[in-house]
Amino acid sequence: MKSFKIITLLVLSALAFSVSASPSVIEVKMMTQAPDGKALVFDPMFVKANVGDTIKFEPMQKAGHTSVSLFVPNGITPWHGKPDTEMVVKLDKEGVYLVECDVHKMMGMVAVVQVGNPTNLEEAKKVAATESAKMIMNKDRFSKLLDQVK
């Protein structure tokens, strides 16, 4: 009887671990107007994920919103979503990913995704600074988002 309880406990522990270790699907809304009043945002604008997770970019209004990789870790294939179309991206490598809506990038519609350790943070900051200088609104959005990377 005692060995049955131990085996049962081990099986339940293994199941609990496998459930908690399974990849997540993270939903990010592409919005013209967020509930907090901010215009032209990804919601959330900063995502912390694990290697193997999937991120799903969902357009909430018909406004030409896209999900485009501006900067990704070495070895990752960049993506370019179509306007007003859901985009699903598997996060296969750790590092910092910079995302933009190519239609609204000039107005600061950008996001930062951290997957695992930020192995390429310094390079991401350089790209973000260059791109931020081209924006006409929300020029500090990338830097504020990159400040959340740990």
N, C-alpha and C. Protein backbone atom coordinates (compact mmCIF):
# COMPACT_ATOMS: atom_id res chain seq x y z
N MET A 1 0.82 -1.19 0.00
CA MET A 1 0.00 0.00 0.00
C MET A 1 0.86 1.26 0.00
N LYS A 2 1.94 1.21 0.78
CA LYS A 2 2.83 2.37 0.87
C LYS A 2 3.48 2.64 -0.48
N SER A 3 3.92 1.59 -1.18
CA SER A 3 4.57 1.78 -2.48
C SER A 3 3.56 2.32 -3.50
N PHE A 4 2.29 1.94 -3.40
CA PHE A 4 1.26 2.45 -4.30
C PHE A 4 1.10 3.96 -4.11
N LYS A 5 1.12 4.42 -2.87
CA LYS A 5 1.01 5.86 -2.58
C LYS A 5 2.21 6.62 -3.13
N ILE A 6 3.38 6.03 -2.99
CA ILE A 6 4.59 6.69 -3.49
C ILE A 6 4.55 6.78 -5.01
N ILE A 7 4.15 5.70 -5.66
CA ILE A 7 4.08 5.70 -7.13
C ILE A 7 3.04 6.72 -7.59
N THR A 8 1.90 6.73 -6.93
CA THR A 8 0.85 7.69 -7.27
C THR A 8 1.35 9.12 -7.12
N LEU A 9 2.04 9.39 -6.04
CA LEU A 9 2.60 10.72 -5.79
C LEU A 9 3.61 11.09 -6.87
N LEU A 10 4.46 10.17 -7.26
CA LEU A 10 5.45 10.43 -8.31
C LEU A 10 4.78 10.71 -9.66
N VAL A 11 3.76 9.95 -9.99
CA VAL A 11 3.04 10.15 -11.26
C VAL A 11 2.36 11.51 -11.25
N LEU A 12 1.69 11.85 -10.16
CA LEU A 12 1.02 13.15 -10.07
C LEU A 12 2.02 14.30 -10.14
N SER A 13 3.16 14.14 -9.51
CA SER A 13 4.20 15.17 -9.56
C SER A 13 4.72 15.35 -10.98
N ALA A 14 4.93 14.25 -11.68
CA ALA A 14 5.41 14.31 -13.06
C ALA A 14 4.38 14.99 -13.95
N LEU A 15 3.10 14.67 -13.76
CA LEU A 15 2.05 15.32 -14.54
C LEU A 15 1.99 16.81 -14.26
N ALA A 16 2.09 17.19 -13.01
CA ALA A 16 2.06 18.61 -12.64
C ALA A 16 3.23 19.34 -13.27
N PHE A 17 4.40 18.73 -13.25
CA PHE A 17 5.58 19.36 -13.85
C PHE A 17 5.40 19.50 -15.35
N SER A 18 4.88 18.48 -16.02
CA SER A 18 4.73 18.54 -17.47
C SER A 18 3.70 19.59 -17.87
N VAL A 19 2.67 19.78 -17.07
CA VAL A 19 1.67 20.81 -17.37
C VAL A 19 2.29 22.19 -17.20
N SER A 20 3.03 22.41 -16.11
CA SER A 20 3.61 23.73 -15.86
C SER A 20 4.75 24.03 -16.82
N ALA A 21 5.39 23.03 -17.37
CA ALA A 21 6.52 23.25 -18.25
C ALA A 21 6.10 23.32 -19.72
N SER A 22 4.82 23.10 -20.01
CA SER A 22 4.39 23.11 -21.40
C SER A 22 4.38 24.54 -21.93
N PRO A 23 4.63 24.70 -23.23
CA PRO A 23 4.68 26.03 -23.83
C PRO A 23 3.34 26.76 -23.71
N SER A 24 3.42 28.08 -23.65
CA SER A 24 2.24 28.92 -23.55
C SER A 24 1.95 29.59 -24.88
N VAL A 25 0.69 29.98 -25.07
CA VAL A 25 0.29 30.84 -26.17
C VAL A 25 -0.01 32.20 -25.55
N ILE A 26 0.73 33.20 -25.97
CA ILE A 26 0.59 34.55 -25.42
C ILE A 26 -0.13 35.39 -26.46
N GLU A 27 -1.24 35.99 -26.05
CA GLU A 27 -2.03 36.82 -26.97
C GLU A 27 -1.64 38.28 -26.82
N VAL A 28 -1.36 38.92 -27.95
CA VAL A 28 -1.04 40.35 -27.98
C VAL A 28 -2.03 41.00 -28.95
N LYS A 29 -2.75 41.98 -28.45
CA LYS A 29 -3.73 42.68 -29.28
C LYS A 29 -3.06 43.85 -29.99
N MET A 30 -3.39 44.02 -31.25
CA MET A 30 -2.95 45.18 -32.02
C MET A 30 -4.13 46.15 -32.03
N MET A 31 -3.93 47.33 -31.39
CA MET A 31 -5.06 48.21 -31.14
C MET A 31 -4.82 49.64 -31.61
N THR A 32 -5.87 50.24 -32.15
CA THR A 32 -5.83 51.65 -32.50
C THR A 32 -5.94 52.48 -31.24
N GLN A 33 -6.82 52.06 -30.33
CA GLN A 33 -7.01 52.76 -29.06
C GLN A 33 -7.13 51.71 -27.96
N ALA A 34 -6.22 51.77 -26.98
CA ALA A 34 -6.25 50.84 -25.86
C ALA A 34 -7.24 51.33 -24.81
N PRO A 35 -7.70 50.45 -23.93
CA PRO A 35 -8.63 50.86 -22.86
C PRO A 35 -8.08 51.98 -21.97
N ASP A 36 -6.75 52.04 -21.83
CA ASP A 36 -6.17 53.10 -20.98
C ASP A 36 -6.00 54.42 -21.72
N GLY A 37 -6.46 54.49 -22.97
CA GLY A 37 -6.41 55.73 -23.73
C GLY A 37 -5.20 55.88 -24.64
N LYS A 38 -4.21 55.02 -24.49
CA LYS A 38 -3.03 55.11 -25.35
C LYS A 38 -3.42 54.74 -26.78
N ALA A 39 -2.86 55.49 -27.73
CA ALA A 39 -3.17 55.25 -29.14
C ALA A 39 -2.09 54.39 -29.78
N LEU A 40 -2.52 53.56 -30.72
CA LEU A 40 -1.64 52.75 -31.55
C LEU A 40 -0.66 51.94 -30.72
N VAL A 41 -1.19 50.86 -30.16
CA VAL A 41 -0.39 50.03 -29.26
C VAL A 41 -0.57 48.54 -29.55
N PHE A 42 0.45 47.82 -29.14
CA PHE A 42 0.33 46.38 -28.94
C PHE A 42 -0.03 46.24 -27.47
N ASP A 43 -0.94 45.36 -27.15
CA ASP A 43 -1.36 45.20 -25.76
C ASP A 43 -1.26 43.74 -25.37
N PRO A 44 -0.24 43.38 -24.56
CA PRO A 44 0.75 44.23 -23.91
C PRO A 44 1.87 44.62 -24.88
N MET A 45 2.57 45.71 -24.52
CA MET A 45 3.69 46.18 -25.33
C MET A 45 4.99 45.48 -24.95
N PHE A 46 5.05 44.94 -23.73
CA PHE A 46 6.22 44.17 -23.29
C PHE A 46 5.75 42.79 -22.89
N VAL A 47 6.41 41.78 -23.43
CA VAL A 47 6.08 40.39 -23.14
C VAL A 47 7.35 39.69 -22.70
N LYS A 48 7.25 38.94 -21.61
CA LYS A 48 8.34 38.07 -21.18
C LYS A 48 7.87 36.63 -21.39
N ALA A 49 8.61 35.90 -22.21
CA ALA A 49 8.19 34.55 -22.61
C ALA A 49 9.33 33.57 -22.40
N ASN A 50 9.00 32.31 -22.58
CA ASN A 50 9.99 31.23 -22.51
C ASN A 50 10.25 30.69 -23.91
N VAL A 51 11.42 30.13 -24.10
CA VAL A 51 11.72 29.46 -25.37
C VAL A 51 10.67 28.37 -25.58
N GLY A 52 10.12 28.33 -26.77
CA GLY A 52 9.08 27.35 -27.10
C GLY A 52 7.68 27.90 -27.02
N ASP A 53 7.50 29.06 -26.36
CA ASP A 53 6.18 29.69 -26.32
C ASP A 53 5.81 30.19 -27.71
N THR A 54 4.53 30.45 -27.88
CA THR A 54 4.01 31.01 -29.13
C THR A 54 3.36 32.34 -28.80
N ILE A 55 3.55 33.31 -29.67
CA ILE A 55 2.89 34.60 -29.49
C ILE A 55 1.93 34.80 -30.65
N LYS A 56 0.71 35.21 -30.32
CA LYS A 56 -0.33 35.41 -31.33
C LYS A 56 -0.71 36.88 -31.34
N PHE A 57 -0.41 37.57 -32.45
CA PHE A 57 -0.75 38.97 -32.62
C PHE A 57 -2.13 39.05 -33.28
N GLU A 58 -3.08 39.72 -32.59
CA GLU A 58 -4.45 39.77 -33.06
C GLU A 58 -4.88 41.21 -33.34
N PRO A 59 -5.29 41.53 -34.58
CA PRO A 59 -5.80 42.87 -34.86
C PRO A 59 -7.19 43.04 -34.23
N MET A 60 -7.39 44.13 -33.54
CA MET A 60 -8.67 44.36 -32.86
C MET A 60 -9.57 45.32 -33.65
N GLN A 61 -8.99 46.12 -34.51
CA GLN A 61 -9.75 47.02 -35.37
C GLN A 61 -9.18 46.91 -36.78
N LYS A 62 -9.99 47.23 -37.76
CA LYS A 62 -9.51 47.27 -39.15
C LYS A 62 -8.84 48.62 -39.35
N ALA A 63 -7.52 48.63 -39.21
CA ALA A 63 -6.77 49.88 -39.35
C ALA A 63 -5.43 49.65 -40.04
N GLY A 64 -5.27 48.47 -40.65
CA GLY A 64 -4.03 48.16 -41.33
C GLY A 64 -2.93 47.67 -40.42
N HIS A 65 -3.25 47.33 -39.15
CA HIS A 65 -2.23 46.89 -38.20
C HIS A 65 -1.54 45.62 -38.68
N THR A 66 -0.23 45.58 -38.46
CA THR A 66 0.58 44.42 -38.82
C THR A 66 1.52 44.07 -37.67
N SER A 67 2.00 42.86 -37.68
CA SER A 67 3.06 42.44 -36.77
C SER A 67 4.27 42.13 -37.65
N VAL A 68 5.34 42.91 -37.44
CA VAL A 68 6.54 42.77 -38.23
C VAL A 68 7.73 42.70 -37.29
N SER A 69 8.60 41.74 -37.51
CA SER A 69 9.81 41.67 -36.70
C SER A 69 10.79 42.72 -37.21
N LEU A 70 11.20 43.59 -36.33
CA LEU A 70 12.18 44.61 -36.66
C LEU A 70 13.58 44.13 -36.34
N PHE A 71 13.67 43.31 -35.29
CA PHE A 71 14.96 42.78 -34.84
C PHE A 71 14.68 41.47 -34.12
N VAL A 72 15.43 40.44 -34.47
CA VAL A 72 15.28 39.12 -33.84
C VAL A 72 16.67 38.56 -33.54
N PRO A 73 16.76 37.59 -32.63
CA PRO A 73 18.05 36.95 -32.37
C PRO A 73 18.61 36.29 -33.63
N ASN A 74 19.92 36.19 -33.70
CA ASN A 74 20.57 35.51 -34.83
C ASN A 74 20.00 34.10 -34.98
N GLY A 75 19.76 33.72 -36.23
CA GLY A 75 19.26 32.38 -36.51
C GLY A 75 17.75 32.29 -36.58
N ILE A 76 17.05 33.36 -36.23
CA ILE A 76 15.58 33.37 -36.29
C ILE A 76 15.15 34.00 -37.61
N THR A 77 14.18 33.39 -38.27
CA THR A 77 13.65 33.95 -39.50
C THR A 77 12.71 35.11 -39.17
N PRO A 78 12.96 36.28 -39.73
CA PRO A 78 12.07 37.42 -39.49
C PRO A 78 10.67 37.13 -40.04
N TRP A 79 9.66 37.84 -39.52
CA TRP A 79 8.30 37.67 -40.00
C TRP A 79 7.73 39.01 -40.42
N HIS A 80 6.71 38.96 -41.28
CA HIS A 80 6.03 40.17 -41.74
C HIS A 80 4.56 39.81 -41.98
N GLY A 81 3.73 40.14 -41.01
CA GLY A 81 2.31 39.83 -41.12
C GLY A 81 1.60 40.74 -42.11
N LYS A 82 0.49 40.27 -42.62
CA LYS A 82 -0.34 41.05 -43.54
C LYS A 82 -1.24 41.98 -42.73
N PRO A 83 -1.64 43.12 -43.31
CA PRO A 83 -2.51 44.05 -42.59
C PRO A 83 -3.81 43.39 -42.12
N ASP A 84 -4.16 43.73 -40.89
CA ASP A 84 -5.42 43.28 -40.28
C ASP A 84 -5.57 41.76 -40.27
N THR A 85 -4.45 41.05 -40.13
CA THR A 85 -4.45 39.59 -40.14
C THR A 85 -3.71 39.08 -38.91
N GLU A 86 -4.29 38.07 -38.28
CA GLU A 86 -3.62 37.44 -37.13
C GLU A 86 -2.27 36.86 -37.57
N MET A 87 -1.29 37.03 -36.71
CA MET A 87 0.07 36.51 -36.98
C MET A 87 0.48 35.67 -35.79
N VAL A 88 0.91 34.44 -36.04
CA VAL A 88 1.34 33.54 -34.97
C VAL A 88 2.83 33.25 -35.17
N VAL A 89 3.61 33.46 -34.09
CA VAL A 89 5.06 33.30 -34.15
C VAL A 89 5.51 32.38 -33.03
N LYS A 90 6.24 31.35 -33.37
CA LYS A 90 6.84 30.47 -32.35
C LYS A 90 8.18 31.06 -31.94
N LEU A 91 8.39 31.19 -30.65
CA LEU A 91 9.59 31.80 -30.10
C LEU A 91 10.61 30.69 -29.81
N ASP A 92 11.48 30.44 -30.77
CA ASP A 92 12.38 29.29 -30.71
C ASP A 92 13.76 29.57 -30.13
N LYS A 93 14.07 30.84 -29.88
CA LYS A 93 15.42 31.15 -29.41
C LYS A 93 15.35 32.28 -28.40
N GLU A 94 16.18 32.18 -27.36
CA GLU A 94 16.17 33.24 -26.36
C GLU A 94 16.81 34.51 -26.91
N GLY A 95 16.42 35.61 -26.30
CA GLY A 95 16.92 36.91 -26.70
C GLY A 95 15.80 37.93 -26.72
N VAL A 96 16.13 39.11 -27.22
CA VAL A 96 15.17 40.21 -27.33
C VAL A 96 14.70 40.32 -28.77
N TYR A 97 13.39 40.45 -28.93
CA TYR A 97 12.76 40.63 -30.23
C TYR A 97 12.11 42.01 -30.23
N LEU A 98 12.33 42.79 -31.27
CA LEU A 98 11.66 44.07 -31.43
C LEU A 98 10.59 43.91 -32.50
N VAL A 99 9.40 44.40 -32.20
CA VAL A 99 8.25 44.22 -33.09
C VAL A 99 7.67 45.60 -33.42
N GLU A 100 7.17 45.73 -34.64
CA GLU A 100 6.54 46.98 -35.05
C GLU A 100 5.30 46.69 -35.87
N CYS A 101 4.44 47.68 -35.94
CA CYS A 101 3.39 47.73 -36.95
C CYS A 101 3.97 48.61 -38.04
N ASP A 102 4.24 48.06 -39.21
CA ASP A 102 4.94 48.87 -40.21
C ASP A 102 4.12 50.06 -40.69
N VAL A 103 2.80 49.99 -40.60
CA VAL A 103 1.95 51.11 -40.99
C VAL A 103 2.03 52.25 -39.96
N HIS A 104 2.16 51.89 -38.68
CA HIS A 104 2.10 52.90 -37.61
C HIS A 104 3.39 53.03 -36.81
N LYS A 105 4.49 52.52 -37.35
CA LYS A 105 5.76 52.61 -36.62
C LYS A 105 6.17 54.06 -36.38
N MET A 106 5.91 54.93 -37.32
CA MET A 106 6.29 56.34 -37.17
C MET A 106 5.61 56.98 -35.96
N MET A 107 4.48 56.39 -35.55
CA MET A 107 3.75 56.91 -34.39
C MET A 107 4.06 56.11 -33.13
N GLY A 108 5.04 55.23 -33.22
CA GLY A 108 5.51 54.51 -32.05
C GLY A 108 4.74 53.24 -31.72
N MET A 109 4.10 52.62 -32.71
CA MET A 109 3.42 51.35 -32.45
C MET A 109 4.45 50.23 -32.52
N VAL A 110 5.05 49.97 -31.36
CA VAL A 110 6.12 48.99 -31.25
C VAL A 110 5.93 48.14 -30.00
N ALA A 111 6.64 47.02 -29.95
CA ALA A 111 6.59 46.13 -28.79
C ALA A 111 7.95 45.48 -28.62
N VAL A 112 8.19 44.98 -27.41
CA VAL A 112 9.41 44.25 -27.09
C VAL A 112 9.02 42.91 -26.49
N VAL A 113 9.65 41.85 -26.99
CA VAL A 113 9.44 40.51 -26.46
C VAL A 113 10.78 40.00 -25.96
N GLN A 114 10.81 39.61 -24.69
CA GLN A 114 12.01 38.99 -24.12
C GLN A 114 11.74 37.50 -23.98
N VAL A 115 12.58 36.71 -24.60
CA VAL A 115 12.45 35.26 -24.52
C VAL A 115 13.66 34.74 -23.76
N GLY A 116 13.40 34.20 -22.56
CA GLY A 116 14.50 33.69 -21.74
C GLY A 116 15.47 34.80 -21.39
N ASN A 117 16.76 34.51 -21.50
CA ASN A 117 17.80 35.49 -21.18
C ASN A 117 17.96 36.49 -22.32
N PRO A 118 18.16 37.77 -22.01
CA PRO A 118 18.29 38.80 -23.05
C PRO A 118 19.71 38.84 -23.64
N THR A 119 20.08 37.80 -24.32
CA THR A 119 21.45 37.61 -24.80
C THR A 119 21.88 38.67 -25.81
N ASN A 120 20.96 39.35 -26.46
CA ASN A 120 21.28 40.32 -27.50
C ASN A 120 20.77 41.72 -27.15
N LEU A 121 20.67 42.02 -25.87
CA LEU A 121 20.07 43.27 -25.41
C LEU A 121 20.79 44.50 -25.94
N GLU A 122 22.10 44.52 -25.90
CA GLU A 122 22.84 45.72 -26.33
C GLU A 122 22.60 46.01 -27.81
N GLU A 123 22.59 44.97 -28.63
CA GLU A 123 22.32 45.15 -30.05
C GLU A 123 20.88 45.62 -30.27
N ALA A 124 19.94 45.07 -29.51
CA ALA A 124 18.53 45.48 -29.60
C ALA A 124 18.38 46.96 -29.24
N LYS A 125 19.10 47.41 -28.22
CA LYS A 125 19.03 48.81 -27.82
C LYS A 125 19.53 49.73 -28.94
N LYS A 126 20.58 49.33 -29.63
CA LYS A 126 21.10 50.14 -30.74
C LYS A 126 20.08 50.25 -31.87
N VAL A 127 19.48 49.12 -32.23
CA VAL A 127 18.47 49.13 -33.29
C VAL A 127 17.27 49.98 -32.85
N ALA A 128 16.84 49.83 -31.61
CA ALA A 128 15.71 50.59 -31.10
C ALA A 128 16.00 52.10 -31.12
N ALA A 129 17.20 52.49 -30.75
CA ALA A 129 17.56 53.91 -30.76
C ALA A 129 17.52 54.48 -32.18
N THR A 130 18.04 53.73 -33.13
CA THR A 130 18.02 54.17 -34.53
C THR A 130 16.59 54.33 -35.03
N GLU A 131 15.75 53.34 -34.73
CA GLU A 131 14.35 53.38 -35.18
C GLU A 131 13.55 54.46 -34.45
N SER A 132 13.81 54.64 -33.16
CA SER A 132 13.09 55.66 -32.38
C SER A 132 13.34 57.06 -32.93
N ALA A 133 14.54 57.30 -33.42
CA ALA A 133 14.87 58.62 -33.97
C ALA A 133 14.02 58.96 -35.20
N LYS A 134 13.48 57.96 -35.85
CA LYS A 134 12.64 58.16 -37.05
C LYS A 134 11.18 58.39 -36.70
N MET A 135 10.79 58.17 -35.47
CA MET A 135 9.39 58.27 -35.07
C MET A 135 9.00 59.73 -34.87
N ILE A 136 7.72 60.01 -35.12
CA ILE A 136 7.21 61.37 -34.88
C ILE A 136 6.44 61.46 -33.57
N MET A 137 6.05 60.31 -33.03
CA MET A 137 5.35 60.25 -31.74
C MET A 137 5.94 59.10 -30.92
N ASN A 138 5.80 59.19 -29.61
CA ASN A 138 6.20 58.11 -28.70
C ASN A 138 7.64 57.66 -28.91
N LYS A 139 8.54 58.61 -29.12
CA LYS A 139 9.94 58.31 -29.38
C LYS A 139 10.61 57.55 -28.23
N ASP A 140 10.05 57.66 -27.04
CA ASP A 140 10.65 56.99 -25.87
C ASP A 140 10.05 55.62 -25.60
N ARG A 141 9.13 55.18 -26.42
CA ARG A 141 8.42 53.92 -26.14
C ARG A 141 9.37 52.73 -26.11
N PHE A 142 10.24 52.60 -27.11
CA PHE A 142 11.19 51.49 -27.12
C PHE A 142 12.07 51.51 -25.88
N SER A 143 12.62 52.67 -25.53
CA SER A 143 13.54 52.71 -24.38
C SER A 143 12.82 52.35 -23.09
N LYS A 144 11.58 52.79 -22.92
CA LYS A 144 10.81 52.42 -21.72
C LYS A 144 10.54 50.92 -21.68
N LEU A 145 10.26 50.35 -22.83
CA LEU A 145 10.01 48.91 -22.89
C LEU A 145 11.28 48.11 -22.64
N LEU A 146 12.38 48.56 -23.22
CA LEU A 146 13.66 47.86 -23.01
C LEU A 146 14.15 47.98 -21.57
N ASP A 147 13.71 49.02 -20.85
CA ASP A 147 14.05 49.14 -19.43
C ASP A 147 13.44 48.00 -18.60
N GLN A 148 12.41 47.35 -19.13
CA GLN A 148 11.75 46.25 -18.41
C GLN A 148 12.48 44.92 -18.60
N VAL A 149 13.40 44.86 -19.54
CA VAL A 149 14.15 43.63 -19.80
C VAL A 149 15.09 43.36 -18.64
N LYS A 150 15.04 42.18 -18.09
CA LYS A 150 15.90 41.80 -16.95
C LYS A 150 16.57 40.48 -17.25
